[in-house]
Protein backbone atom coordinates (compact mmCIF):
# COMPACT_ATOMS: atom_id res chain seq x y z
CA VAL A 1 25.50 -36.67 -0.25
CA GLN A 2 26.24 -33.42 -2.08
CA LEU A 3 24.09 -31.60 -4.60
CA GLN A 4 25.52 -29.28 -7.22
CA ALA A 5 23.07 -26.97 -8.96
CA SER A 6 23.69 -24.93 -12.09
CA GLY A 7 21.89 -23.03 -14.83
CA GLY A 8 20.62 -19.90 -13.16
CA GLY A 9 21.07 -16.43 -14.57
CA LEU A 10 19.58 -13.11 -15.60
CA VAL A 11 16.97 -13.27 -18.35
CA GLN A 12 14.17 -11.18 -19.76
CA VAL A 13 10.46 -11.75 -19.34
CA GLY A 14 9.24 -14.58 -21.54
CA SER A 15 12.62 -16.26 -21.75
CA SER A 16 13.54 -19.81 -20.81
CA LEU A 17 16.12 -21.33 -18.49
CA ARG A 18 17.06 -24.87 -17.62
CA LEU A 19 18.35 -25.69 -14.15
CA SER A 20 20.30 -28.85 -13.40
CA CYS A 21 21.21 -30.48 -10.12
CA ALA A 22 23.42 -33.53 -9.73
CA ALA A 23 23.69 -35.61 -6.56
CA SER A 24 26.97 -37.28 -5.69
CA GLY A 25 28.34 -39.35 -2.85
CA THR A 26 27.43 -42.71 -1.37
CA ILE A 27 23.89 -43.18 -2.65
CA PHE A 28 22.06 -46.46 -2.42
CA SER A 29 18.81 -45.18 -3.87
CA VAL A 30 17.07 -41.90 -4.60
CA ASN A 31 13.40 -41.39 -3.90
CA SER A 32 12.20 -37.91 -4.71
CA MET A 33 14.08 -34.98 -6.19
CA GLY A 34 12.89 -31.49 -6.84
CA TRP A 35 13.15 -27.76 -6.51
CA TYR A 36 12.17 -25.08 -4.04
CA ARG A 37 12.65 -21.36 -4.42
CA GLN A 38 12.98 -18.42 -2.08
CA ALA A 39 12.38 -14.82 -3.04
CA PRO A 40 13.76 -11.95 -0.92
CA GLY A 41 11.78 -11.57 2.28
CA LYS A 42 9.67 -14.67 1.61
CA GLU A 43 9.65 -18.26 2.75
CA ARG A 44 11.11 -21.13 0.75
CA ASP A 45 8.31 -22.67 -1.31
CA LEU A 46 8.01 -25.86 -3.30
CA VAL A 47 8.28 -25.40 -7.05
CA ALA A 48 8.25 -28.94 -8.42
CA VAL A 49 9.01 -32.50 -7.37
CA VAL A 50 9.45 -35.77 -9.23
CA THR A 51 9.38 -39.19 -7.60
CA LEU A 52 11.37 -42.28 -8.50
CA ALA A 53 8.34 -43.58 -10.39
CA GLY A 54 8.16 -40.38 -12.40
CA SER A 55 5.15 -38.79 -10.76
CA THR A 56 5.34 -35.01 -10.66
CA ASN A 57 3.79 -32.23 -8.63
CA TYR A 58 3.96 -28.50 -9.26
CA ALA A 59 3.15 -25.28 -7.51
CA ASP A 60 0.06 -23.72 -9.06
CA SER A 61 2.05 -20.65 -10.07
CA VAL A 62 4.32 -22.64 -12.40
CA LYS A 63 1.96 -25.23 -13.85
CA GLY A 64 2.06 -25.22 -17.62
CA ARG A 65 5.32 -23.25 -17.70
CA PHE A 66 7.83 -25.37 -15.77
CA THR A 67 8.71 -29.01 -16.30
CA VAL A 68 10.64 -31.13 -13.83
CA SER A 69 12.44 -34.27 -14.95
CA ARG A 70 15.19 -36.57 -13.76
CA ASP A 71 17.87 -38.89 -15.01
CA ASN A 72 17.98 -41.76 -12.55
CA ALA A 73 21.23 -43.14 -13.96
CA LYS A 74 22.94 -39.81 -13.22
CA ASN A 75 21.04 -38.93 -10.02
CA THR A 76 20.26 -35.61 -11.67
CA VAL A 77 17.12 -33.50 -11.63
CA TYR A 78 16.26 -30.78 -14.13
CA LEU A 79 13.86 -27.86 -14.16
CA GLN A 80 12.89 -26.47 -17.54
CA MET A 81 11.44 -23.01 -17.02
CA ASN A 82 9.57 -21.37 -19.89
CA SER A 83 7.65 -18.12 -20.19
CA LEU A 84 9.48 -16.70 -17.21
CA LYS A 85 7.88 -13.88 -15.26
CA PRO A 86 9.36 -11.29 -12.87
CA GLU A 87 7.66 -13.12 -9.99
CA ASP A 88 9.79 -16.17 -10.77
CA THR A 89 12.83 -14.24 -9.53
CA ALA A 90 14.28 -16.15 -6.59
CA VAL A 91 17.09 -18.37 -5.43
CA TYR A 92 16.28 -21.90 -6.56
CA TYR A 93 17.31 -24.80 -4.34
CA CYS A 94 17.35 -28.42 -5.43
CA TYR A 95 16.83 -31.23 -2.97
CA CYS A 96 17.11 -34.98 -2.92
CA VAL A 97 15.62 -37.60 -0.59
CA GLY A 98 17.02 -41.08 -0.60
CA GLN A 99 18.88 -43.88 1.10
CA GLY A 100 22.57 -43.75 1.79
CA ARG A 101 24.75 -46.69 2.63
CA PHE A 102 23.75 -46.69 6.30
CA ALA A 103 20.91 -44.21 6.67
CA PRO A 104 18.29 -42.21 4.79
CA PHE A 105 19.23 -38.69 3.78
CA THR A 106 17.76 -35.39 2.70
CA SER A 107 20.23 -33.10 1.00
CA TRP A 108 20.04 -29.59 -0.42
CA GLY A 109 21.96 -27.83 -3.14
CA GLN A 110 23.67 -24.49 -2.61
CA GLY A 111 21.07 -22.48 -4.51
CA THR A 112 21.21 -20.82 -7.89
CA GLN A 113 19.91 -17.32 -8.58
CA VAL A 114 17.26 -16.77 -11.23
CA THR A 115 16.46 -13.15 -12.06
CA VAL A 116 13.76 -12.26 -14.55
CA SER A 117 13.93 -8.68 -15.77
CA SER A 118 11.03 -6.77 -17.22
C-alpha cells in the first residue's frame, strides 16, 4: 500500500493550508488514517487521527485550529490547518492502518514540508 501526500508549502503566520494523502494499492479495508509531524531535532508526534467510524483525536497543540477528515470511497485523509503558527513548522507524515488482501498493514507517506514564517 502506498501513500501519496500533498499540500505542504511556505506560508505566513495565521494562514491556512490543506494537506491531502491518498492510499493506493490492494486495500481490503482501512481502519484509521491520520497525520504525524516531525520538527528538526524532535521526535515524530501525533497531530490528528480519524477512525473508520469518524471518531477523531488531536494533539492538544492543534485543537481548535486543525481538522482531520477522510473520504472512505477514495481512501484519502485530509488535514485542514488554520491559524498556523511558527511552531507548526515540520515535516508532516500521513499514515494508514488497514487490511490488505492477505495481511494487515501500516503504511506511511513520504512526508510534506510545512513552513510557517513569522
